[in-house]
Each structure stands twice: as structure tokens, then as C-alpha cells.
Amino acid sequence: MKDDSHNKATTSLATDGAEVRLLARRAIAVLAANGNGRNDGVTRRLEQLLDAFVAADEDQRHEMLLRLRQDSVSADDIIDHIIPAVARLMGERWAGDQISFADVTIGTARLQEAVRALGWHDKSRQKIPESAPVILLIIPRPEHHTLGAFVLADQWRRMGFRVDIAMDQHPRQIAERLRKRRYAMIGITASGRRTLASARELVDIIRLTVARTSPVFIGGSILDRDVDVLAITGADHTARDAGTALRKCGLVEAGWEAPSLETSGNVGTRQERR
């Protein structure tokens, strides 16, 4: 018999169905545009990718990614559209008890590894000048949803920014970072209410540590909740995507479309989805 937390999580995921379908459509459109007449079906290819990322045989996902690149699917499209879609579908399967939480944990870690690897092999990301503005992206210690932050960081690097990621660090370590380096913008990702207290502590530390305050924004799926994020955390802005964060923090004027922060792999424990 399923417990109450499972039922609430399933209901929560059901309300995200439209978003899942939108992500899938975007990913399928990329696959269809670059499929070169493949006959295995673009929808099935997305499902095969998911299977590969949770499979015991690690070679499967490398082969699937290689096949995508051979079909002329760019690294950017894989990172921005396909990997987030796979992550969301992974969450759907987990909520439906089709895969285990261990599968989700392993699969999400591998998706994150794929983002790093794809970005690393793209030479344009390695040519960012030392003088470029630096962004600090913080994943607070209670936060388990990390994939979206790595996708976001990759998007900023493509735009010519340098990005530091602080994951699972004590606030004292964050303060030390701030004393050593000046950041043009600081982002904090949050998926659930319990992360907000940590975000508030981090914002307070930023204000106390940085002589010339860098703008701070909050992103993540917490923005979909009925919560006054700015009042609770004391941050300057909220932002759902890379371009909005830059615009609100005064780093760009023109628009730049990107997948929203909360769509970039939001899977976690069932209790966190309550």
C-alpha cells in the first residue's frame, strides 16, 4: 500500500504534466530535426536515453550520446533540451513506481556528468577571458536538486561569463569565497521550502561579507510554490532562467531565451515534492 507522501508526490507530479510534455516536445523536435531519417522513432529515442542513463551498463549512455552527436545534434541542444526532458521523464517514472529512487539518484548523477563532459569538450567554453564577469551559483546544503544548476552554469558560460559553483558548502566556506573573489552576480537555487532558511542565512552572509553588494537572486522550482521568496530570503530578485537573472541583475539588456531553472532536472525525494 502506498503511503500518503507518495500520493501527494504523485499528485504534485501530475500538475507538472504540461511542463513535462512541453519539455518532451522540445526534445523530440530537436531529435526529429537532426534524425537524418532514422526509423526508430523520436519518442522512443527519448525513452531509450532514459533507459541508458539508469542502466547498469555504463557504455549504453555513452553510445546514445555519441549517436546523437553523429546525427548532428549539438551539445547545446542536448544540454538545454534533451537532458532536462530525460530528467523530468525520470521523475515521472519514479513517481509511478516504475523505477527506484536508487535509479533516480544514479541517473541524475550521470545526467549531470554528461552536462559537464559535453561542456568541457566544447572549445568555446574554454576561451572565456580571465577578465570576464564572474557569477557565483550556490546550491545550499539541504538542496538535492543539482542538475539544473549545472545546466544553468553551462548556459552562462556560453554567453561569455565565468561561473563558480558552490555545492554543499558551509556558510563559512561561502564567506571565504566572497572574501577572495568579487562576483558580478550571485544565484541561489531552491526547490523546496526547507531550503529557504538556508538561503536566508546565505543572503545575510553575503550582505555582511561583501563590501560592495553583488545582486542576489533565487531560482528553482520553489518559484512555482505559493511562497513570498523575496520576503523570506531577503534576496534582490527571483529568476526562472539564465537570461532573466542576468537582466534583473543588470548584466544584460537584451533578451535571451533559455530553459527555466526548475525544468532542468527537478527530481528528488518524494517528501521534498510535498
C-alpha atoms as a PDB file:
ATOM      1  CA  MET A   1       0.000   0.000   0.000  1.00  0.00           C
ATOM      2  CA  LYS A   2       1.386   3.413  -0.944  1.00  0.00           C
ATOM      3  CA  ASP A   3       1.900   5.918   1.878  1.00  0.00           C
ATOM      4  CA  ASP A   4       0.403   9.396   1.972  1.00  0.00           C
ATOM      5  CA  SER A   5       3.625  11.115   0.947  1.00  0.00           C
ATOM      6  CA  HIS A   6       3.724   9.019  -2.209  1.00  0.00           C
ATOM      7  CA  ASN A   7       0.155  10.001  -3.088  1.00  0.00           C
ATOM      8  CA  LYS A   8       0.880  13.703  -2.546  1.00  0.00           C
ATOM      9  CA  ALA A   9       4.034  13.455  -4.636  1.00  0.00           C
ATOM     10  CA  THR A  10       2.146  11.750  -7.449  1.00  0.00           C
ATOM     11  CA  THR A  11      -0.486  14.500  -7.376  1.00  0.00           C
ATOM     12  CA  SER A  12       2.262  17.140  -7.472  1.00  0.00           C
ATOM     13  CA  LEU A  13       3.865  15.496 -10.455  1.00  0.00           C
ATOM     14  CA  ALA A  14       0.532  15.241 -12.215  1.00  0.00           C
ATOM     15  CA  THR A  15       0.185  19.015 -12.032  1.00  0.00           C
ATOM     16  CA  ASP A  16       3.565  19.257 -13.741  1.00  0.00           C
ATOM     17  CA  GLY A  17       2.345  17.123 -16.635  1.00  0.00           C
ATOM     18  CA  ALA A  18       2.026  20.047 -19.047  1.00  0.00           C
ATOM     19  CA  GLU A  19       5.610  21.056 -18.328  1.00  0.00           C
ATOM     20  CA  VAL A  20       6.817  17.511 -18.862  1.00  0.00           C
ATOM     21  CA  ARG A  21       5.004  17.338 -22.175  1.00  0.00           C
ATOM     22  CA  LEU A  22       6.463  20.695 -23.234  1.00  0.00           C
ATOM     23  CA  LEU A  23       9.983  19.521 -22.408  1.00  0.00           C
ATOM     24  CA  ALA A  24       9.398  16.297 -24.280  1.00  0.00           C
ATOM     25  CA  ARG A  25       8.082  18.161 -27.321  1.00  0.00           C
ATOM     26  CA  ARG A  26      11.153  20.383 -27.379  1.00  0.00           C
ATOM     27  CA  ALA A  27      13.486  17.421 -27.095  1.00  0.00           C
ATOM     28  CA  ILE A  28      11.560  15.447 -29.710  1.00  0.00           C
ATOM     29  CA  ALA A  29      11.649  18.439 -32.064  1.00  0.00           C
ATOM     30  CA  VAL A  30      15.452  18.527 -31.742  1.00  0.00           C
ATOM     31  CA  LEU A  31      15.704  14.794 -32.388  1.00  0.00           C
ATOM     32  CA  ALA A  32      13.330  14.964 -35.344  1.00  0.00           C
ATOM     33  CA  ALA A  33      15.206  17.860 -36.928  1.00  0.00           C
ATOM     34  CA  ASN A  34      18.513  16.031 -36.699  1.00  0.00           C
ATOM     35  CA  GLY A  35      17.448  12.422 -37.063  1.00  0.00           C
ATOM     36  CA  ASN A  36      18.590  12.022 -40.658  1.00  0.00           C
ATOM     37  CA  GLY A  37      15.752   9.660 -41.440  1.00  0.00           C
ATOM     38  CA  ARG A  38      16.308   7.281 -38.518  1.00  0.00           C
ATOM     39  CA  ASN A  39      13.441   4.813 -38.292  1.00  0.00           C
ATOM     40  CA  ASP A  40      13.408   4.062 -34.557  1.00  0.00           C
ATOM     41  CA  GLY A  41      11.056   6.951 -33.737  1.00  0.00           C
ATOM     42  CA  VAL A  42      11.981  10.135 -31.930  1.00  0.00           C
ATOM     43  CA  THR A  43       9.730   9.468 -28.947  1.00  0.00           C
ATOM     44  CA  ARG A  44      11.248   6.050 -28.457  1.00  0.00           C
ATOM     45  CA  ARG A  45      14.724   7.554 -28.695  1.00  0.00           C
ATOM     46  CA  LEU A  46      13.967   9.785 -25.732  1.00  0.00           C
ATOM     47  CA  GLU A  47      12.802   6.761 -23.760  1.00  0.00           C
ATOM     48  CA  GLN A  48      15.915   4.856 -24.798  1.00  0.00           C
ATOM     49  CA  LEU A  49      18.059   7.691 -23.483  1.00  0.00           C
ATOM     50  CA  LEU A  50      16.340   7.461 -20.128  1.00  0.00           C
ATOM     51  CA  ASP A  51      16.873   3.696 -20.039  1.00  0.00           C
ATOM     52  CA  ALA A  52      20.539   4.169 -20.908  1.00  0.00           C
ATOM     53  CA  PHE A  53      21.137   6.631 -18.071  1.00  0.00           C
ATOM     54  CA  VAL A  54      19.772   4.228 -15.439  1.00  0.00           C
ATOM     55  CA  ALA A  55      21.240   1.050 -16.970  1.00  0.00           C
ATOM     56  CA  ALA A  56      23.919  -0.959 -15.177  1.00  0.00           C
ATOM     57  CA  ASP A  57      25.962  -0.977 -18.389  1.00  0.00           C
ATOM     58  CA  GLU A  58      27.582   2.464 -18.435  1.00  0.00           C
ATOM     59  CA  ASP A  59      28.546   2.105 -22.098  1.00  0.00           C
ATOM     60  CA  GLN A  60      24.889   2.429 -23.114  1.00  0.00           C
ATOM     61  CA  ARG A  61      24.609   6.120 -22.313  1.00  0.00           C
ATOM     62  CA  HIS A  62      27.945   6.923 -23.963  1.00  0.00           C
ATOM     63  CA  GLU A  63      26.768   5.141 -27.101  1.00  0.00           C
ATOM     64  CA  MET A  64      23.451   7.000 -27.065  1.00  0.00           C
ATOM     65  CA  LEU A  65      25.171  10.374 -26.671  1.00  0.00           C
ATOM     66  CA  LEU A  66      27.627   9.510 -29.432  1.00  0.00           C
ATOM     67  CA  ARG A  67      24.728   8.582 -31.702  1.00  0.00           C
ATOM     68  CA  LEU A  68      23.107  11.943 -31.036  1.00  0.00           C
ATOM     69  CA  ARG A  69      26.297  13.781 -31.967  1.00  0.00           C
ATOM     70  CA  GLN A  70      26.652  11.641 -35.101  1.00  0.00           C
ATOM     71  CA  ASP A  71      23.115  12.712 -36.005  1.00  0.00           C
ATOM     72  CA  SER A  72      24.318  16.337 -35.799  1.00  0.00           C
ATOM     73  CA  VAL A  73      22.528  17.158 -32.554  1.00  0.00           C
ATOM     74  CA  SER A  74      24.592  19.938 -30.979  1.00  0.00           C
ATOM     75  CA  ALA A  75      25.959  19.798 -27.447  1.00  0.00           C
ATOM     76  CA  ASP A  76      23.893  22.894 -26.654  1.00  0.00           C
ATOM     77  CA  ASP A  77      20.643  21.208 -27.705  1.00  0.00           C
ATOM     78  CA  ILE A  78      21.495  18.090 -25.723  1.00  0.00           C
ATOM     79  CA  ILE A  79      22.189  20.160 -22.601  1.00  0.00           C
ATOM     80  CA  ASP A  80      19.300  22.629 -22.960  1.00  0.00           C
ATOM     81  CA  HIS A  81      16.518  20.346 -24.164  1.00  0.00           C
ATOM     82  CA  ILE A  82      17.247  16.632 -24.177  1.00  0.00           C
ATOM     83  CA  ILE A  83      18.897  16.196 -20.772  1.00  0.00           C
ATOM     84  CA  PRO A  84      16.206  18.224 -18.928  1.00  0.00           C
ATOM     85  CA  ALA A  85      13.498  16.206 -20.706  1.00  0.00           C
ATOM     86  CA  VAL A  86      15.154  12.940 -19.709  1.00  0.00           C
ATOM     87  CA  ALA A  87      15.388  14.156 -16.101  1.00  0.00           C
ATOM     88  CA  ARG A  88      11.708  15.061 -15.995  1.00  0.00           C
ATOM     89  CA  LEU A  89      10.663  11.758 -17.523  1.00  0.00           C
ATOM     90  CA  MET A  90      12.845  10.043 -14.954  1.00  0.00           C
ATOM     91  CA  GLY A  91      10.868  11.841 -12.253  1.00  0.00           C
ATOM     92  CA  GLU A  92       7.609  10.732 -13.852  1.00  0.00           C
ATOM     93  CA  ARG A  93       8.687   7.096 -13.888  1.00  0.00           C
ATOM     94  CA  TRP A  94       9.817   7.273 -10.276  1.00  0.00           C
ATOM     95  CA  ALA A  95       6.525   8.804  -9.133  1.00  0.00           C
ATOM     96  CA  GLY A  96       4.748   5.965 -10.925  1.00  0.00           C
ATOM     97  CA  ASP A  97       6.932   3.375  -9.143  1.00  0.00           C
ATOM     98  CA  GLN A  98       8.438   2.279 -12.461  1.00  0.00           C
ATOM     99  CA  ILE A  99      11.981   2.945 -11.275  1.00  0.00           C
ATOM    100  CA  SER A 100      13.538   3.125  -7.812  1.00  0.00           C
ATOM    101  CA  PHE A 101      14.967   6.125  -6.003  1.00  0.00           C
ATOM    102  CA  ALA A 102      18.381   4.492  -6.412  1.00  0.00           C
ATOM    103  CA  ASP A 103      17.812   4.546 -10.185  1.00  0.00           C
ATOM    104  CA  VAL A 104      16.888   8.237  -9.974  1.00  0.00           C
ATOM    105  CA  THR A 105      19.973   9.045  -7.901  1.00  0.00           C
ATOM    106  CA  ILE A 106      22.314   7.228 -10.277  1.00  0.00           C
ATOM    107  CA  GLY A 107      20.570   8.516 -13.389  1.00  0.00           C
ATOM    108  CA  THR A 108      20.594  12.144 -12.243  1.00  0.00           C
ATOM    109  CA  ALA A 109      24.286  11.968 -11.350  1.00  0.00           C
ATOM    110  CA  ARG A 110      25.007  10.618 -14.822  1.00  0.00           C
ATOM    111  CA  LEU A 111      22.947  13.347 -16.494  1.00  0.00           C
ATOM    112  CA  GLN A 112      24.944  15.905 -14.525  1.00  0.00           C
ATOM    113  CA  GLU A 113      28.174  14.225 -15.586  1.00  0.00           C
ATOM    114  CA  ALA A 114      27.007  14.398 -19.210  1.00  0.00           C
ATOM    115  CA  VAL A 115      26.417  18.160 -18.921  1.00  0.00           C
ATOM    116  CA  ARG A 116      29.945  18.659 -17.610  1.00  0.00           C
ATOM    117  CA  ALA A 117      31.503  16.389 -20.225  1.00  0.00           C
ATOM    118  CA  LEU A 118      29.649  17.936 -23.159  1.00  0.00           C
ATOM    119  CA  GLY A 119      30.566  21.421 -21.986  1.00  0.00           C
ATOM    120  CA  TRP A 120      34.183  20.511 -21.376  1.00  0.00           C
ATOM    121  CA  HIS A 121      34.687  19.212 -24.914  1.00  0.00           C
ATOM    122  CA  ASP A 122      33.314  22.404 -26.469  1.00  0.00           C
ATOM    123  CA  LYS A 123      36.333  24.666 -27.000  1.00  0.00           C
ATOM    124  CA  SER A 124      34.253  27.869 -26.994  1.00  0.00           C
ATOM    125  CA  ARG A 125      33.562  27.381 -23.297  1.00  0.00           C
ATOM    126  CA  GLN A 126      37.292  27.148 -22.623  1.00  0.00           C
ATOM    127  CA  LYS A 127      38.052  30.508 -24.255  1.00  0.00           C
ATOM    128  CA  ILE A 128      36.305  32.732 -21.733  1.00  0.00           C
ATOM    129  CA  PRO A 129      38.765  35.528 -20.854  1.00  0.00           C
ATOM    130  CA  GLU A 130      40.018  35.881 -17.302  1.00  0.00           C
ATOM    131  CA  SER A 131      38.623  39.417 -17.303  1.00  0.00           C
ATOM    132  CA  ALA A 132      35.046  38.214 -17.902  1.00  0.00           C
ATOM    133  CA  PRO A 133      32.465  38.871 -15.149  1.00  0.00           C
ATOM    134  CA  VAL A 134      32.215  36.014 -12.651  1.00  0.00           C
ATOM    135  CA  ILE A 135      28.945  34.567 -11.371  1.00  0.00           C
ATOM    136  CA  LEU A 136      28.652  32.539  -8.174  1.00  0.00           C
ATOM    137  CA  LEU A 137      25.935  29.884  -8.222  1.00  0.00           C
ATOM    138  CA  ILE A 138      25.190  28.390  -4.800  1.00  0.00           C
ATOM    139  CA  ILE A 139      23.490  25.040  -4.219  1.00  0.00           C
ATOM    140  CA  PRO A 140      22.637  25.151  -0.475  1.00  0.00           C
ATOM    141  CA  ARG A 141      23.443  22.179   1.724  1.00  0.00           C
ATOM    142  CA  PRO A 142      19.834  20.927   2.125  1.00  0.00           C
ATOM    143  CA  GLU A 143      19.303  21.073  -1.658  1.00  0.00           C
ATOM    144  CA  HIS A 144      19.381  17.783  -3.571  1.00  0.00           C
ATOM    145  CA  HIS A 145      18.333  19.136  -6.982  1.00  0.00           C
ATOM    146  CA  THR A 146      21.682  19.948  -8.578  1.00  0.00           C
ATOM    147  CA  LEU A 147      21.324  19.124 -12.271  1.00  0.00           C
ATOM    148  CA  GLY A 148      19.527  22.363 -13.139  1.00  0.00           C
ATOM    149  CA  ALA A 149      22.325  24.441 -11.632  1.00  0.00           C
ATOM    150  CA  PHE A 150      24.909  22.776 -13.866  1.00  0.00           C
ATOM    151  CA  VAL A 151      22.750  23.354 -16.947  1.00  0.00           C
ATOM    152  CA  LEU A 152      22.336  26.991 -15.942  1.00  0.00           C
ATOM    153  CA  ALA A 153      26.087  27.429 -15.406  1.00  0.00           C
ATOM    154  CA  ASP A 154      26.770  25.980 -18.846  1.00  0.00           C
ATOM    155  CA  GLN A 155      24.346  28.459 -20.443  1.00  0.00           C
ATOM    156  CA  TRP A 156      26.094  31.397 -18.779  1.00  0.00           C
ATOM    157  CA  ARG A 157      29.491  30.150 -19.914  1.00  0.00           C
ATOM    158  CA  ARG A 158      28.203  30.065 -23.475  1.00  0.00           C
ATOM    159  CA  MET A 159      27.290  33.716 -23.045  1.00  0.00           C
ATOM    160  CA  GLY A 160      30.853  34.573 -22.042  1.00  0.00           C
ATOM    161  CA  PHE A 161      30.612  34.607 -18.242  1.00  0.00           C
ATOM    162  CA  ARG A 162      32.840  32.739 -15.834  1.00  0.00           C
ATOM    163  CA  VAL A 163      30.889  30.655 -13.308  1.00  0.00           C
ATOM    164  CA  ASP A 164      31.851  29.266  -9.916  1.00  0.00           C
ATOM    165  CA  ILE A 165      29.575  26.616  -8.411  1.00  0.00           C
ATOM    166  CA  ALA A 166      29.458  26.222  -4.628  1.00  0.00           C
ATOM    167  CA  MET A 167      27.707  22.964  -3.778  1.00  0.00           C
ATOM    168  CA  ASP A 168      27.035  21.590  -0.291  1.00  0.00           C
ATOM    169  CA  GLN A 169      29.354  24.131   1.345  1.00  0.00           C
ATOM    170  CA  HIS A 170      29.106  25.501   4.857  1.00  0.00           C
ATOM    171  CA  PRO A 171      28.175  29.205   5.032  1.00  0.00           C
ATOM    172  CA  ARG A 172      31.663  29.920   6.397  1.00  0.00           C
ATOM    173  CA  GLN A 173      33.123  28.458   3.204  1.00  0.00           C
ATOM    174  CA  ILE A 174      30.846  30.689   1.135  1.00  0.00           C
ATOM    175  CA  ALA A 175      32.012  33.714   3.113  1.00  0.00           C
ATOM    176  CA  GLU A 176      35.616  32.754   2.428  1.00  0.00           C
ATOM    177  CA  ARG A 177      34.875  32.568  -1.301  1.00  0.00           C
ATOM    178  CA  LEU A 178      33.317  36.020  -1.197  1.00  0.00           C
ATOM    179  CA  ARG A 179      36.353  37.499   0.525  1.00  0.00           C
ATOM    180  CA  LYS A 180      38.691  36.069  -2.112  1.00  0.00           C
ATOM    181  CA  ARG A 181      36.778  36.955  -5.262  1.00  0.00           C
ATOM    182  CA  ARG A 182      34.387  39.610  -6.471  1.00  0.00           C
ATOM    183  CA  TYR A 183      31.222  38.332  -8.125  1.00  0.00           C
ATOM    184  CA  ALA A 184      29.072  40.254 -10.579  1.00  0.00           C
ATOM    185  CA  MET A 185      26.004  38.251  -9.536  1.00  0.00           C
ATOM    186  CA  ILE A 186      25.159  35.555  -7.016  1.00  0.00           C
ATOM    187  CA  GLY A 187      22.445  32.950  -7.547  1.00  0.00           C
ATOM    188  CA  ILE A 188      20.941  30.542  -5.016  1.00  0.00           C
ATOM    189  CA  THR A 189      18.866  27.580  -6.182  1.00  0.00           C
ATOM    190  CA  ALA A 190      15.964  26.255  -4.122  1.00  0.00           C
ATOM    191  CA  SER A 191      13.423  23.574  -4.897  1.00  0.00           C
ATOM    192  CA  GLY A 192      11.524  23.338  -1.626  1.00  0.00           C
ATOM    193  CA  ARG A 193      10.533  25.307   1.453  1.00  0.00           C
ATOM    194  CA  ARG A 194      13.151  23.754   3.703  1.00  0.00           C
ATOM    195  CA  THR A 195      15.908  25.255   1.544  1.00  0.00           C
ATOM    196  CA  LEU A 196      14.648  28.787   2.146  1.00  0.00           C
ATOM    197  CA  ALA A 197      16.066  29.035   5.675  1.00  0.00           C
ATOM    198  CA  SER A 198      19.498  28.156   4.322  1.00  0.00           C
ATOM    199  CA  ALA A 199      19.009  30.674   1.517  1.00  0.00           C
ATOM    200  CA  ARG A 200      18.181  33.377   4.091  1.00  0.00           C
ATOM    201  CA  GLU A 201      21.356  32.587   6.029  1.00  0.00           C
ATOM    202  CA  LEU A 202      23.397  32.755   2.844  1.00  0.00           C
ATOM    203  CA  VAL A 203      21.890  36.105   1.817  1.00  0.00           C
ATOM    204  CA  ASP A 204      22.699  37.525   5.269  1.00  0.00           C
ATOM    205  CA  ILE A 205      26.290  36.287   4.997  1.00  0.00           C
ATOM    206  CA  ILE A 206      26.636  37.805   1.524  1.00  0.00           C
ATOM    207  CA  ARG A 207      25.423  41.172   2.815  1.00  0.00           C
ATOM    208  CA  LEU A 208      27.852  41.077   5.741  1.00  0.00           C
ATOM    209  CA  THR A 209      30.854  39.849   3.773  1.00  0.00           C
ATOM    210  CA  VAL A 210      30.746  41.781   0.513  1.00  0.00           C
ATOM    211  CA  ALA A 211      31.625  45.443   0.892  1.00  0.00           C
ATOM    212  CA  ARG A 212      30.030  46.343  -2.429  1.00  0.00           C
ATOM    213  CA  THR A 213      26.955  44.141  -2.510  1.00  0.00           C
ATOM    214  CA  SER A 214      26.532  41.880  -5.531  1.00  0.00           C
ATOM    215  CA  PRO A 215      22.913  41.376  -6.641  1.00  0.00           C
ATOM    216  CA  VAL A 216      21.466  38.113  -5.336  1.00  0.00           C
ATOM    217  CA  PHE A 217      18.691  36.133  -6.999  1.00  0.00           C
ATOM    218  CA  ILE A 218      16.776  32.984  -6.085  1.00  0.00           C
ATOM    219  CA  GLY A 219      15.862  30.425  -8.732  1.00  0.00           C
ATOM    220  CA  GLY A 220      14.479  26.906  -8.863  1.00  0.00           C
ATOM    221  CA  SER A 221      11.133  25.190  -8.570  1.00  0.00           C
ATOM    222  CA  ILE A 222      10.373  26.986  -5.286  1.00  0.00           C
ATOM    223  CA  LEU A 223       9.157  29.792  -7.562  1.00  0.00           C
ATOM    224  CA  ASP A 224       6.210  27.583  -8.515  1.00  0.00           C
ATOM    225  CA  ARG A 225       5.028  27.469  -4.905  1.00  0.00           C
ATOM    226  CA  ASP A 226       2.740  29.989  -3.247  1.00  0.00           C
ATOM    227  CA  VAL A 227       5.612  31.490  -1.265  1.00  0.00           C
ATOM    228  CA  ASP A 228       6.938  35.045  -0.961  1.00  0.00           C
ATOM    229  CA  VAL A 229      10.517  34.032  -1.709  1.00  0.00           C
ATOM    230  CA  LEU A 230      11.979  37.549  -1.558  1.00  0.00           C
ATOM    231  CA  ALA A 231      10.358  38.323   1.804  1.00  0.00           C
ATOM    232  CA  ILE A 232      11.620  35.073   3.330  1.00  0.00           C
ATOM    233  CA  THR A 233      15.167  35.141   1.946  1.00  0.00           C
ATOM    234  CA  GLY A 234      15.950  38.842   1.606  1.00  0.00           C
ATOM    235  CA  ALA A 235      17.287  38.306  -1.920  1.00  0.00           C
ATOM    236  CA  ASP A 236      17.090  41.061  -4.534  1.00  0.00           C
ATOM    237  CA  HIS A 237      15.365  39.136  -7.321  1.00  0.00           C
ATOM    238  CA  THR A 238      13.835  35.861  -8.428  1.00  0.00           C
ATOM    239  CA  ALA A 239      14.538  34.395 -11.866  1.00  0.00           C
ATOM    240  CA  ARG A 240      13.365  31.317 -13.739  1.00  0.00           C
ATOM    241  CA  ASP A 241      16.016  31.271 -16.446  1.00  0.00           C
ATOM    242  CA  ALA A 242      19.542  32.383 -17.276  1.00  0.00           C
ATOM    243  CA  GLY A 243      18.559  35.444 -19.281  1.00  0.00           C
ATOM    244  CA  THR A 244      16.074  36.777 -16.739  1.00  0.00           C
ATOM    245  CA  ALA A 245      18.664  36.504 -13.970  1.00  0.00           C
ATOM    246  CA  LEU A 246      21.181  38.494 -16.000  1.00  0.00           C
ATOM    247  CA  ARG A 247      18.662  41.170 -16.953  1.00  0.00           C
ATOM    248  CA  LYS A 248      17.304  41.653 -13.432  1.00  0.00           C
ATOM    249  CA  CYS A 249      20.824  41.880 -12.035  1.00  0.00           C
ATOM    250  CA  GLY A 250      21.810  44.457 -14.648  1.00  0.00           C
ATOM    251  CA  LEU A 251      24.298  42.333 -16.607  1.00  0.00           C
ATOM    252  CA  VAL A 252      22.460  42.331 -19.955  1.00  0.00           C
ATOM    253  CA  GLU A 253      19.772  44.427 -21.561  1.00  0.00           C
ATOM    254  CA  ALA A 254      18.680  42.226 -24.453  1.00  0.00           C
ATOM    255  CA  GLY A 255      16.527  39.152 -24.015  1.00  0.00           C
ATOM    256  CA  TRP A 256      17.963  35.655 -24.157  1.00  0.00           C
ATOM    257  CA  GLU A 257      15.737  32.606 -24.086  1.00  0.00           C
ATOM    258  CA  ALA A 258      16.768  29.587 -22.068  1.00  0.00           C
ATOM    259  CA  PRO A 259      15.095  26.628 -20.374  1.00  0.00           C
ATOM    260  CA  SER A 260      13.779  27.611 -16.961  1.00  0.00           C
ATOM    261  CA  LEU A 261      15.811  26.710 -13.901  1.00  0.00           C
ATOM    262  CA  GLU A 262      13.136  24.460 -12.498  1.00  0.00           C
ATOM    263  CA  THR A 263      12.832  22.393 -15.685  1.00  0.00           C
ATOM    264  CA  SER A 264      16.456  21.362 -15.691  1.00  0.00           C
ATOM    265  CA  GLY A 265      16.229  18.117 -13.829  1.00  0.00           C
ATOM    266  CA  ASN A 266      13.993  18.513 -10.824  1.00  0.00           C
ATOM    267  CA  VAL A 267      13.926  15.079  -9.251  1.00  0.00           C
ATOM    268  CA  GLY A 268      14.350  14.340  -5.582  1.00  0.00           C
ATOM    269  CA  THR A 269      12.803  12.568  -2.637  1.00  0.00           C
ATOM    270  CA  ARG A 270       9.044  12.187  -2.544  1.00  0.00           C
ATOM    271  CA  GLN A 271       8.888  14.120   0.720  1.00  0.00           C
ATOM    272  CA  GLU A 272      10.555  17.126  -0.965  1.00  0.00           C
ATOM    273  CA  ARG A 273       7.755  17.287  -3.513  1.00  0.00           C
ATOM    274  CA  ARG A 274       5.083  17.803  -0.890  1.00  0.00           C
END
